[in-house]
C-alpha atoms as a PDB file:
ATOM      1  CA  MET A   1       0.000   0.000   0.000  1.00  0.00           C
ATOM      2  CA  LYS A   2       1.023   3.627  -0.571  1.00  0.00           C
ATOM      3  CA  ASP A   3       0.929   6.461   1.922  1.00  0.00           C
ATOM      4  CA  ASP A   4      -0.539   9.933   1.357  1.00  0.00           C
ATOM      5  CA  ASP A   5       2.521  10.918  -0.681  1.00  0.00           C
ATOM      6  CA  GLY A   6       2.109   7.964  -3.015  1.00  0.00           C
ATOM      7  CA  ILE A   7       5.109   6.111  -1.591  1.00  0.00           C
ATOM      8  CA  PHE A   8       4.922   2.379  -0.933  1.00  0.00           C
ATOM      9  CA  ASN A   9       4.775   1.745   2.812  1.00  0.00           C
ATOM     10  CA  PRO A  10       5.182  -1.852   4.098  1.00  0.00           C
ATOM     11  CA  LEU A  11       3.776  -0.836   7.483  1.00  0.00           C
ATOM     12  CA  LEU A  12       0.458   0.100   5.880  1.00  0.00           C
ATOM     13  CA  ASP A  13       0.388  -3.304   4.182  1.00  0.00           C
ATOM     14  CA  LEU A  14       1.051  -4.992   7.519  1.00  0.00           C
ATOM     15  CA  SER A  15      -1.660  -2.941   9.229  1.00  0.00           C
ATOM     16  CA  ALA A  16      -4.218  -3.838   6.547  1.00  0.00           C
ATOM     17  CA  SER A  17      -3.356  -7.551   6.689  1.00  0.00           C
ATOM     18  CA  VAL A  18      -3.554  -7.666  10.486  1.00  0.00           C
ATOM     19  CA  GLY A  19      -6.871  -5.793  10.358  1.00  0.00           C
ATOM     20  CA  ASP A  20      -8.411  -8.206   7.868  1.00  0.00           C
ATOM     21  CA  LEU A  21      -7.219 -11.225   9.838  1.00  0.00           C
ATOM     22  CA  ASN A  22      -8.514  -9.738  13.094  1.00  0.00           C
ATOM     23  CA  ARG A  23     -11.975  -9.104  11.599  1.00  0.00           C
ATOM     24  CA  SER A  24     -12.250 -12.671  10.317  1.00  0.00           C
ATOM     25  CA  TRP A  25     -11.063 -14.147  13.582  1.00  0.00           C
ATOM     26  CA  HIS A  26     -13.607 -12.029  15.490  1.00  0.00           C
ATOM     27  CA  VAL A  27     -16.409 -13.630  13.426  1.00  0.00           C
ATOM     28  CA  LEU A  28     -15.008 -17.139  13.827  1.00  0.00           C
ATOM     29  CA  LYS A  29     -14.581 -17.010  17.590  1.00  0.00           C
ATOM     30  CA  GLN A  30     -18.207 -15.857  17.963  1.00  0.00           C
ATOM     31  CA  THR A  31     -19.546 -18.910  16.079  1.00  0.00           C
ATOM     32  CA  PRO A  32     -20.031 -21.160  19.156  1.00  0.00           C
ATOM     33  CA  ALA A  33     -22.371 -18.504  20.556  1.00  0.00           C
ATOM     34  CA  THR A  34     -24.075 -17.296  17.346  1.00  0.00           C
ATOM     35  CA  TRP A  35     -24.318 -20.572  15.367  1.00  0.00           C
ATOM     36  CA  ASN A  36     -23.868 -18.412  12.283  1.00  0.00           C
ATOM     37  CA  LEU A  37     -22.589 -21.090   9.892  1.00  0.00           C
ATOM     38  CA  LYS A  38     -22.928 -18.875   6.816  1.00  0.00           C
ATOM     39  CA  ASP A  39     -20.406 -16.283   8.039  1.00  0.00           C
ATOM     40  CA  SER A  40     -18.263 -18.872   9.789  1.00  0.00           C
ATOM     41  CA  LEU A  41     -17.783 -21.014   6.661  1.00  0.00           C
ATOM     42  CA  ARG A  42     -17.088 -17.962   4.504  1.00  0.00           C
ATOM     43  CA  HIS A  43     -14.428 -16.576   6.829  1.00  0.00           C
ATOM     44  CA  ALA A  44     -12.905 -20.000   7.511  1.00  0.00           C
ATOM     45  CA  GLU A  45     -12.354 -20.522   3.771  1.00  0.00           C
ATOM     46  CA  GLY A  46     -10.431 -17.277   3.528  1.00  0.00           C
ATOM     47  CA  LEU A  47      -8.432 -17.710   6.722  1.00  0.00           C
ATOM     48  CA  GLY A  48      -5.492 -19.474   5.083  1.00  0.00           C
ATOM     49  CA  LEU A  49      -5.266 -16.800   2.401  1.00  0.00           C
ATOM     50  CA  LEU A  50      -5.214 -14.038   5.018  1.00  0.00           C
ATOM     51  CA  VAL A  51      -2.482 -15.776   7.015  1.00  0.00           C
ATOM     52  CA  GLY A  52      -0.441 -16.264   3.844  1.00  0.00           C
ATOM     53  CA  ARG A  53      -0.787 -12.591   2.896  1.00  0.00           C
ATOM     54  CA  LEU A  54       0.298 -11.579   6.386  1.00  0.00           C
ATOM     55  CA  ALA A  55       3.405 -13.750   6.126  1.00  0.00           C
ATOM     56  CA  SER A  56       4.288 -12.248   2.736  1.00  0.00           C
ATOM     57  CA  VAL A  57       4.268  -8.635   3.994  1.00  0.00           C
ATOM     58  CA  LEU A  58       5.878  -9.357   7.358  1.00  0.00           C
ATOM     59  CA  SER A  59       9.502  -9.381   6.204  1.00  0.00           C
ATOM     60  CA  ALA A  60       9.259  -6.006   4.440  1.00  0.00           C
ATOM     61  CA  ALA A  61       7.419  -4.551   7.438  1.00  0.00           C
ATOM     62  CA  GLU A  62      10.129  -5.763   9.848  1.00  0.00           C
ATOM     63  CA  GLN A  63      12.781  -4.046   7.731  1.00  0.00           C
ATOM     64  CA  GLU A  64      10.758  -0.842   7.673  1.00  0.00           C
ATOM     65  CA  LEU A  65      10.244  -0.978  11.442  1.00  0.00           C
ATOM     66  CA  ALA A  66      13.992  -1.373  11.920  1.00  0.00           C
ATOM     67  CA  LYS A  67      14.543   1.792   9.850  1.00  0.00           C
ATOM     68  CA  VAL A  68      11.926   3.680  11.855  1.00  0.00           C
ATOM     69  CA  ASN A  69      13.447   2.611  15.167  1.00  0.00           C
ATOM     70  CA  GLU A  70      16.941   3.523  14.039  1.00  0.00           C
ATOM     71  CA  GLY A  71      15.712   6.928  12.914  1.00  0.00           C
ATOM     72  CA  ILE A  72      14.133   7.564  16.323  1.00  0.00           C
ATOM     73  CA  ARG A  73      17.305   6.390  18.068  1.00  0.00           C
ATOM     74  CA  GLU A  74      19.335   8.905  16.054  1.00  0.00           C
ATOM     75  CA  LYS A  75      16.904  11.711  16.923  1.00  0.00           C
ATOM     76  CA  ILE A  76      16.858  11.139  20.678  1.00  0.00           C
ATOM     77  CA  THR A  77      20.660  10.861  20.852  1.00  0.00           C
ATOM     78  CA  SER A  78      21.250  14.056  18.877  1.00  0.00           C
ATOM     79  CA  SER A  79      21.912  17.450  20.465  1.00  0.00           C
ATOM     80  CA  GLU A  80      18.729  18.763  18.837  1.00  0.00           C
ATOM     81  CA  TYR A  81      16.616  16.431  20.980  1.00  0.00           C
ATOM     82  CA  ALA A  82      17.461  18.217  24.239  1.00  0.00           C
ATOM     83  CA  THR A  83      16.820  21.600  22.625  1.00  0.00           C
ATOM     84  CA  GLU A  84      13.425  20.508  21.321  1.00  0.00           C
ATOM     85  CA  LEU A  85      12.425  18.881  24.617  1.00  0.00           C
ATOM     86  CA  GLU A  86      13.335  22.004  26.614  1.00  0.00           C
ATOM     87  CA  SER A  87      11.430  24.185  24.165  1.00  0.00           C
ATOM     88  CA  GLU A  88       8.332  22.009  24.536  1.00  0.00           C
ATOM     89  CA  MET A  89       8.594  22.111  28.345  1.00  0.00           C
ATOM     90  CA  ARG A  90       8.743  25.906  28.296  1.00  0.00           C
ATOM     91  CA  SER A  91       5.729  25.994  25.999  1.00  0.00           C
ATOM     92  CA  ALA A  92       3.903  23.750  28.480  1.00  0.00           C
ATOM     93  CA  GLY A  93       4.539  26.286  31.254  1.00  0.00           C
ATOM     94  CA  ILE A  94       7.085  24.176  33.116  1.00  0.00           C
ATOM     95  CA  ARG A  95       9.746  26.062  35.081  1.00  0.00           C
ATOM     96  CA  PHE A  96      12.962  24.090  35.245  1.00  0.00           C
ATOM     97  CA  SER A  97      16.703  24.289  35.720  1.00  0.00           C
ATOM     98  CA  GLY A  98      19.569  21.946  34.928  1.00  0.00           C
ATOM     99  CA  GLU A  99      20.829  20.352  31.757  1.00  0.00           C
ATOM    100  CA  PHE A 100      19.808  17.313  29.748  1.00  0.00           C
ATOM    101  CA  PRO A 101      19.277  14.575  30.803  1.00  0.00           C
ATOM    102  CA  SER A 102      18.477  15.752  34.366  1.00  0.00           C
ATOM    103  CA  TYR A 103      16.282  18.686  35.339  1.00  0.00           C
ATOM    104  CA  ASP A 104      14.965  20.230  38.532  1.00  0.00           C
ATOM    105  CA  LEU A 105      11.367  21.429  38.366  1.00  0.00           C
ATOM    106  CA  PRO A 106      10.496  21.879  42.044  1.00  0.00           C
ATOM    107  CA  PRO A 107       9.107  19.920  43.704  1.00  0.00           C
ATOM    108  CA  PHE A 108       9.959  17.345  41.025  1.00  0.00           C
ATOM    109  CA  ARG A 109      13.132  15.861  39.617  1.00  0.00           C
ATOM    110  CA  PHE A 110      12.921  14.921  35.931  1.00  0.00           C
ATOM    111  CA  THR A 111      15.431  12.651  34.198  1.00  0.00           C
ATOM    112  CA  VAL A 112      15.668  11.052  30.770  1.00  0.00           C
ATOM    113  CA  SER A 113      17.558   7.783  30.410  1.00  0.00           C
ATOM    114  CA  LEU A 114      18.691   7.126  26.853  1.00  0.00           C
ATOM    115  CA  GLU A 115      20.111   3.772  27.949  1.00  0.00           C
ATOM    116  CA  GLU A 116      16.683   2.583  29.137  1.00  0.00           C
ATOM    117  CA  PHE A 117      14.674   4.604  26.572  1.00  0.00           C
ATOM    118  CA  GLU A 118      12.477   6.078  29.296  1.00  0.00           C
ATOM    119  CA  ALA A 119      11.898   9.209  31.346  1.00  0.00           C
ATOM    120  CA  LYS A 120      11.270   9.449  35.094  1.00  0.00           C
ATOM    121  CA  LEU A 121       9.493  12.123  37.124  1.00  0.00           C
ATOM    122  CA  SER A 122      10.242  11.939  40.844  1.00  0.00           C
ATOM    123  CA  LEU A 123       8.798  13.642  43.894  1.00  0.00           C
ATOM    124  CA  GLY A 124      10.720  12.440  46.926  1.00  0.00           C
ATOM    125  CA  ARG A 125      10.814   8.663  46.796  1.00  0.00           C
ATOM    126  CA  LYS A 126       7.752   8.387  44.582  1.00  0.00           C
ATOM    127  CA  SER A 127       8.338   8.324  40.841  1.00  0.00           C
ATOM    128  CA  GLU A 128       6.466   7.741  37.597  1.00  0.00           C
ATOM    129  CA  ARG A 129       7.982   6.551  34.323  1.00  0.00           C
ATOM    130  CA  THR A 130       7.097   6.769  30.661  1.00  0.00           C
ATOM    131  CA  ALA A 131       8.734   5.421  27.524  1.00  0.00           C
ATOM    132  CA  ASP A 132       7.007   7.940  25.216  1.00  0.00           C
ATOM    133  CA  LEU A 133       9.990  10.106  24.309  1.00  0.00           C
ATOM    134  CA  ASN A 134       8.446  12.252  21.588  1.00  0.00           C
ATOM    135  CA  PRO A 135       9.346  15.767  22.905  1.00  0.00           C
ATOM    136  CA  GLN A 136       5.824  17.141  22.557  1.00  0.00           C
ATOM    137  CA  GLN A 137       4.163  14.142  24.186  1.00  0.00           C
ATOM    138  CA  LEU A 138       6.801  13.918  26.919  1.00  0.00           C
ATOM    139  CA  ALA A 139       6.482  17.606  27.820  1.00  0.00           C
ATOM    140  CA  LYS A 140       2.698  17.215  27.982  1.00  0.00           C
ATOM    141  CA  TRP A 141       3.046  14.162  30.244  1.00  0.00           C
ATOM    142  CA  VAL A 142       5.319  16.086  32.613  1.00  0.00           C
ATOM    143  CA  GLY A 143       3.163  19.210  32.465  1.00  0.00           C
ATOM    144  CA  VAL A 144      -0.018  17.430  33.570  1.00  0.00           C
ATOM    145  CA  ARG A 145       1.649  16.092  36.730  1.00  0.00           C
ATOM    146  CA  TYR A 146       3.633  19.249  37.410  1.00  0.00           C
ATOM    147  CA  LYS A 147       0.621  21.552  37.225  1.00  0.00           C
ATOM    148  CA  LYS A 148      -1.565  19.194  39.265  1.00  0.00           C
ATOM    149  CA  VAL A 149       0.727  19.585  42.277  1.00  0.00           C
ATOM    150  CA  LEU A 150       1.511  23.278  41.839  1.00  0.00           C
ATOM    151  CA  SER A 151      -2.121  24.235  41.336  1.00  0.00           C
ATOM    152  CA  ARG A 152      -2.946  23.106  44.857  1.00  0.00           C
ATOM    153  CA  LYS A 153      -3.299  25.991  47.266  1.00  0.00           C
ATOM    154  CA  PHE A 154      -1.197  25.513  50.389  1.00  0.00           C
ATOM    155  CA  ASN A 155      -3.076  26.518  53.535  1.00  0.00           C
ATOM    156  CA  ALA A 156      -0.372  26.605  56.222  1.00  0.00           C
ATOM    157  CA  THR A 157      -2.820  27.109  59.091  1.00  0.00           C
ATOM    158  CA  ALA A 158      -5.006  24.167  58.079  1.00  0.00           C
ATOM    159  CA  PHE A 159      -1.930  21.975  57.567  1.00  0.00           C
ATOM    160  CA  LEU A 160      -0.558  22.846  61.019  1.00  0.00           C
ATOM    161  CA  LYS A 161      -3.947  22.052  62.594  1.00  0.00           C
ATOM    162  CA  ASP A 162      -3.941  18.637  60.907  1.00  0.00           C
ATOM    163  CA  LEU A 163      -0.378  17.953  62.052  1.00  0.00           C
ATOM    164  CA  LEU A 164      -1.243  18.986  65.605  1.00  0.00           C
ATOM    165  CA  GLU A 165      -4.176  16.573  65.801  1.00  0.00           C
ATOM    166  CA  ALA A 166      -2.163  13.733  64.276  1.00  0.00           C
ATOM    167  CA  TYR A 167       0.712  14.496  66.676  1.00  0.00           C
ATOM    168  CA  ARG A 168      -1.618  14.190  69.680  1.00  0.00           C
ATOM    169  CA  VAL A 169      -2.599  10.675  68.605  1.00  0.00           C
ATOM    170  CA  SER A 170       0.881   9.543  67.570  1.00  0.00           C
ATOM    171  CA  ASN A 171       2.509  10.965  70.692  1.00  0.00           C
ATOM    172  CA  ARG A 172       0.225   8.995  73.032  1.00  0.00           C
ATOM    173  CA  LEU A 173       0.763   5.814  71.003  1.00  0.00           C
ATOM    174  CA  ASN A 174       4.546   6.179  70.894  1.00  0.00           C
ATOM    175  CA  TYR A 175       5.050   7.195  74.540  1.00  0.00           C
ATOM    176  CA  ARG A 176       2.170   5.142  75.981  1.00  0.00           C
ATOM    177  CA  GLY A 177       0.940   7.915  78.220  1.00  0.00           C
ATOM    178  CA  LYS A 178      -2.440   9.362  79.039  1.00  0.00           C
ATOM    179  CA  GLU A 179      -0.970  12.836  78.761  1.00  0.00           C
ATOM    180  CA  ILE A 180       0.765  14.155  75.673  1.00  0.00           C
ATOM    181  CA  ALA A 181       4.551  14.339  76.000  1.00  0.00           C
ATOM    182  CA  TRP A 182       5.015  17.761  74.447  1.00  0.00           C
ATOM    183  CA  GLY A 183       8.529  18.362  73.144  1.00  0.00           C
ATOM    184  CA  CYS A 184       9.037  14.695  72.220  1.00  0.00           C
ATOM    185  CA  ALA A 185       9.517  13.664  68.607  1.00  0.00           C
ATOM    186  CA  VAL A 186       7.182  11.346  66.713  1.00  0.00           C
ATOM    187  CA  PRO A 187       7.917   9.667  63.347  1.00  0.00           C
ATOM    188  CA  ILE A 188       6.826  11.818  60.428  1.00  0.00           C
ATOM    189  CA  LEU A 189       5.439   8.845  58.519  1.00  0.00           C
ATOM    190  CA  ASP A 190       3.191   7.975  61.471  1.00  0.00           C
ATOM    191  CA  LEU A 191       1.538  11.354  61.045  1.00  0.00           C
ATOM    192  CA  TYR A 192       0.755  10.690  57.396  1.00  0.00           C
ATOM    193  CA  ASP A 193      -0.709   7.286  58.299  1.00  0.00           C
ATOM    194  CA  ILE A 194      -2.974   8.911  60.881  1.00  0.00           C
ATOM    195  CA  LEU A 195      -4.029  11.693  58.518  1.00  0.00           C
ATOM    196  CA  THR A 196      -5.035   9.139  55.891  1.00  0.00           C
ATOM    197  CA  LEU A 197      -6.547   6.295  57.917  1.00  0.00           C
ATOM    198  CA  LYS A 198      -9.419   6.047  55.460  1.00  0.00           C
ATOM    199  CA  GLN A 199      -8.617   4.777  51.970  1.00  0.00           C
ATOM    200  CA  THR A 200     -10.572   7.648  50.447  1.00  0.00           C
ATOM    201  CA  ALA A 201      -8.425  10.128  52.377  1.00  0.00           C
ATOM    202  CA  ARG A 202      -5.259   8.533  51.016  1.00  0.00           C
ATOM    203  CA  GLN A 203      -6.612   8.821  47.476  1.00  0.00           C
ATOM    204  CA  ASP A 204      -7.477  12.495  47.973  1.00  0.00           C
ATOM    205  CA  TYR A 205      -4.202  13.241  49.726  1.00  0.00           C
ATOM    206  CA  PRO A 206      -1.432  11.017  48.292  1.00  0.00           C
ATOM    207  CA  LYS A 207       1.931  10.912  49.998  1.00  0.00           C
ATOM    208  CA  GLN A 208       3.645  13.115  47.410  1.00  0.00           C
ATOM    209  CA  TYR A 209       1.263  15.947  48.355  1.00  0.00           C
ATOM    210  CA  PHE A 210       2.110  15.471  52.034  1.00  0.00           C
ATOM    211  CA  VAL A 211       5.811  15.541  51.178  1.00  0.00           C
ATOM    212  CA  TYR A 212       5.431  18.738  49.168  1.00  0.00           C
ATOM    213  CA  ASP A 213       3.413  20.405  51.939  1.00  0.00           C
ATOM    214  CA  LEU A 214       6.185  19.568  54.396  1.00  0.00           C
ATOM    215  CA  GLY A 215       8.639  21.248  52.034  1.00  0.00           C
ATOM    216  CA  LEU A 216       6.530  24.402  51.991  1.00  0.00           C
ATOM    217  CA  LEU A 217       6.178  24.258  55.772  1.00  0.00           C
ATOM    218  CA  LYS A 218       9.953  23.920  56.128  1.00  0.00           C
ATOM    219  CA  GLU A 219      10.323  27.264  54.349  1.00  0.00           C
ATOM    220  CA  SER A 220       8.286  28.985  57.045  1.00  0.00           C
ATOM    221  CA  ALA A 221      10.556  31.033  59.310  1.00  0.00           C
ATOM    222  CA  VAL A 222       8.764  30.157  62.565  1.00  0.00           C
ATOM    223  CA  PRO A 223       5.996  27.556  62.126  1.00  0.00           C
ATOM    224  CA  GLU A 224       3.687  28.277  65.059  1.00  0.00           C
ATOM    225  CA  LEU A 225      -0.019  27.923  65.759  1.00  0.00           C
ATOM    226  CA  ASN A 226      -1.880  29.189  68.811  1.00  0.00           C
ATOM    227  CA  GLY A 227       1.131  28.908  71.099  1.00  0.00           C
ATOM    228  CA  PHE A 228       2.339  25.580  69.686  1.00  0.00           C
ATOM    229  CA  ARG A 229       5.757  25.526  68.023  1.00  0.00           C
ATOM    230  CA  PHE A 230       6.493  22.962  65.299  1.00  0.00           C
ATOM    231  CA  GLU A 231       9.966  21.567  64.662  1.00  0.00           C
ATOM    232  CA  LEU A 232      10.854  19.140  61.880  1.00  0.00           C
ATOM    233  CA  GLY A 233      13.599  16.661  62.714  1.00  0.00           C
ATOM    234  CA  PHE A 234      16.258  15.893  60.135  1.00  0.00           C
ATOM    235  CA  ALA A 235      17.133  12.249  59.712  1.00  0.00           C
ATOM    236  CA  ARG A 236      20.177  10.374  60.909  1.00  0.00           C
ATOM    237  CA  ASN A 237      18.598   6.986  60.285  1.00  0.00           C
ATOM    238  CA  GLN A 238      17.456   7.058  56.655  1.00  0.00           C
ATOM    239  CA  ALA A 239      15.089   4.093  56.993  1.00  0.00           C
ATOM    240  CA  ARG A 240      12.157   6.103  58.316  1.00  0.00           C
ATOM    241  CA  ALA A 241      12.951   9.387  56.585  1.00  0.00           C
ATOM    242  CA  ILE A 242      11.258  11.066  53.652  1.00  0.00           C
ATOM    243  CA  VAL A 243      12.969  13.270  51.107  1.00  0.00           C
ATOM    244  CA  VAL A 244      11.333  16.692  51.200  1.00  0.00           C
ATOM    245  CA  VAL A 245      11.754  19.182  48.357  1.00  0.00           C
ATOM    246  CA  ASP A 246      10.899  22.856  48.856  1.00  0.00           C
ATOM    247  CA  SER A 247       9.747  25.323  46.181  1.00  0.00           C
ATOM    248  CA  SER A 248      13.371  26.091  45.255  1.00  0.00           C
ATOM    249  CA  GLY A 249      14.253  22.450  44.703  1.00  0.00           C
ATOM    250  CA  ARG A 250      16.351  22.042  47.859  1.00  0.00           C
ATOM    251  CA  GLU A 251      16.191  18.563  49.356  1.00  0.00           C
ATOM    252  CA  SER A 252      16.292  17.476  52.991  1.00  0.00           C
ATOM    253  CA  ARG A 253      15.537  14.207  54.749  1.00  0.00           C
ATOM    254  CA  ILE A 254      12.951  14.574  57.487  1.00  0.00           C
ATOM    255  CA  SER A 255      12.170  11.801  59.929  1.00  0.00           C
ATOM    256  CA  SER A 256      10.168  13.349  62.773  1.00  0.00           C
ATOM    257  CA  LEU A 257       8.028  16.174  64.093  1.00  0.00           C
ATOM    258  CA  THR A 258       8.277  17.693  67.560  1.00  0.00           C
ATOM    259  CA  ILE A 259       5.658  20.088  68.880  1.00  0.00           C
ATOM    260  CA  TYR A 260       6.348  22.324  71.853  1.00  0.00           C
ATOM    261  CA  LYS A 261       3.513  23.741  73.912  1.00  0.00           C
ATOM    262  CA  GLY A 262       3.819  27.291  75.213  1.00  0.00           C
ATOM    263  CA  ASP A 263       7.278  27.959  76.696  1.00  0.00           C
ATOM    264  CA  GLU A 264       8.245  24.291  76.932  1.00  0.00           C
END
C-alpha cells in the first residue's frame, strides 16, 4: 500500500493484513455462541489466504520498522533532541533548571535515560515513568503532573492544625501515656498514616502531596499555631525518613516532628 505521498509503505500493508485477519477471527470465535454457519464457513475458507498474505508482507514490514526505530534512536541521541524537549517544556509552562538529561522542576526531579529509553518524574521517593519520548508528548506528560501539584493551594494554618491533631494521637501511642509528652519527637510517617486512615483520604491526599506540603512548611521562618511551636527533625537513620523538596528544589531528609507547647 502507498501512503498519502504515493510512496509504498510496508507498514500500511502490515496494518491492513492484520486488520483483515482480526476481523475474520472475530467472526469465527463468535460462532459457538451465534451458530452463524454462513459467516463462519465464509471466513474459515479465507483464513489461510489471510495468514499467507500476512506472512508475505511481514519481512518487508520488519525491515521498515527497523529503519523507523533507528531513525528515532538517532533523533533522541542528537543534540537537537534536548533543545526541542526544553522548548516544549517551556511551551507547556514548566519552570525548570539543569541540563539534559536531568532537570529540577520543584518539587519534582525529571530525568531522561537514553540507555533505558524512558523518562522518570520523581517527587521524593515516589516516581512515575514513561517510555514515550516524543518531545511534545513527553512535555505534555510532565506538564499534567507538574501543574496538578503546583495548582494546589497551600493553607499553612489548616496543615498545622492537621499535624497537631495527628501528633496528639501519635505521641500517646509512641510514649504510651495518658498525657501528651510535648517536646518529644514522633515519626513523620506515622503522622501521614494517621491523617489518611481512610482509603478515600489517602486517594485524595497522596503521599507526594504530604511531602510537598512539608517542604513548603519547612520554608516557614517560625511555624507556630496558637502557642504551639512545630519543629521538623532531620534524619540520621534514613530508613524512616522522607525526602522533602521545597519550592526552590532544595532537598532534605525529614524523619520526625516535635511540637512544643507554650514555653516548653
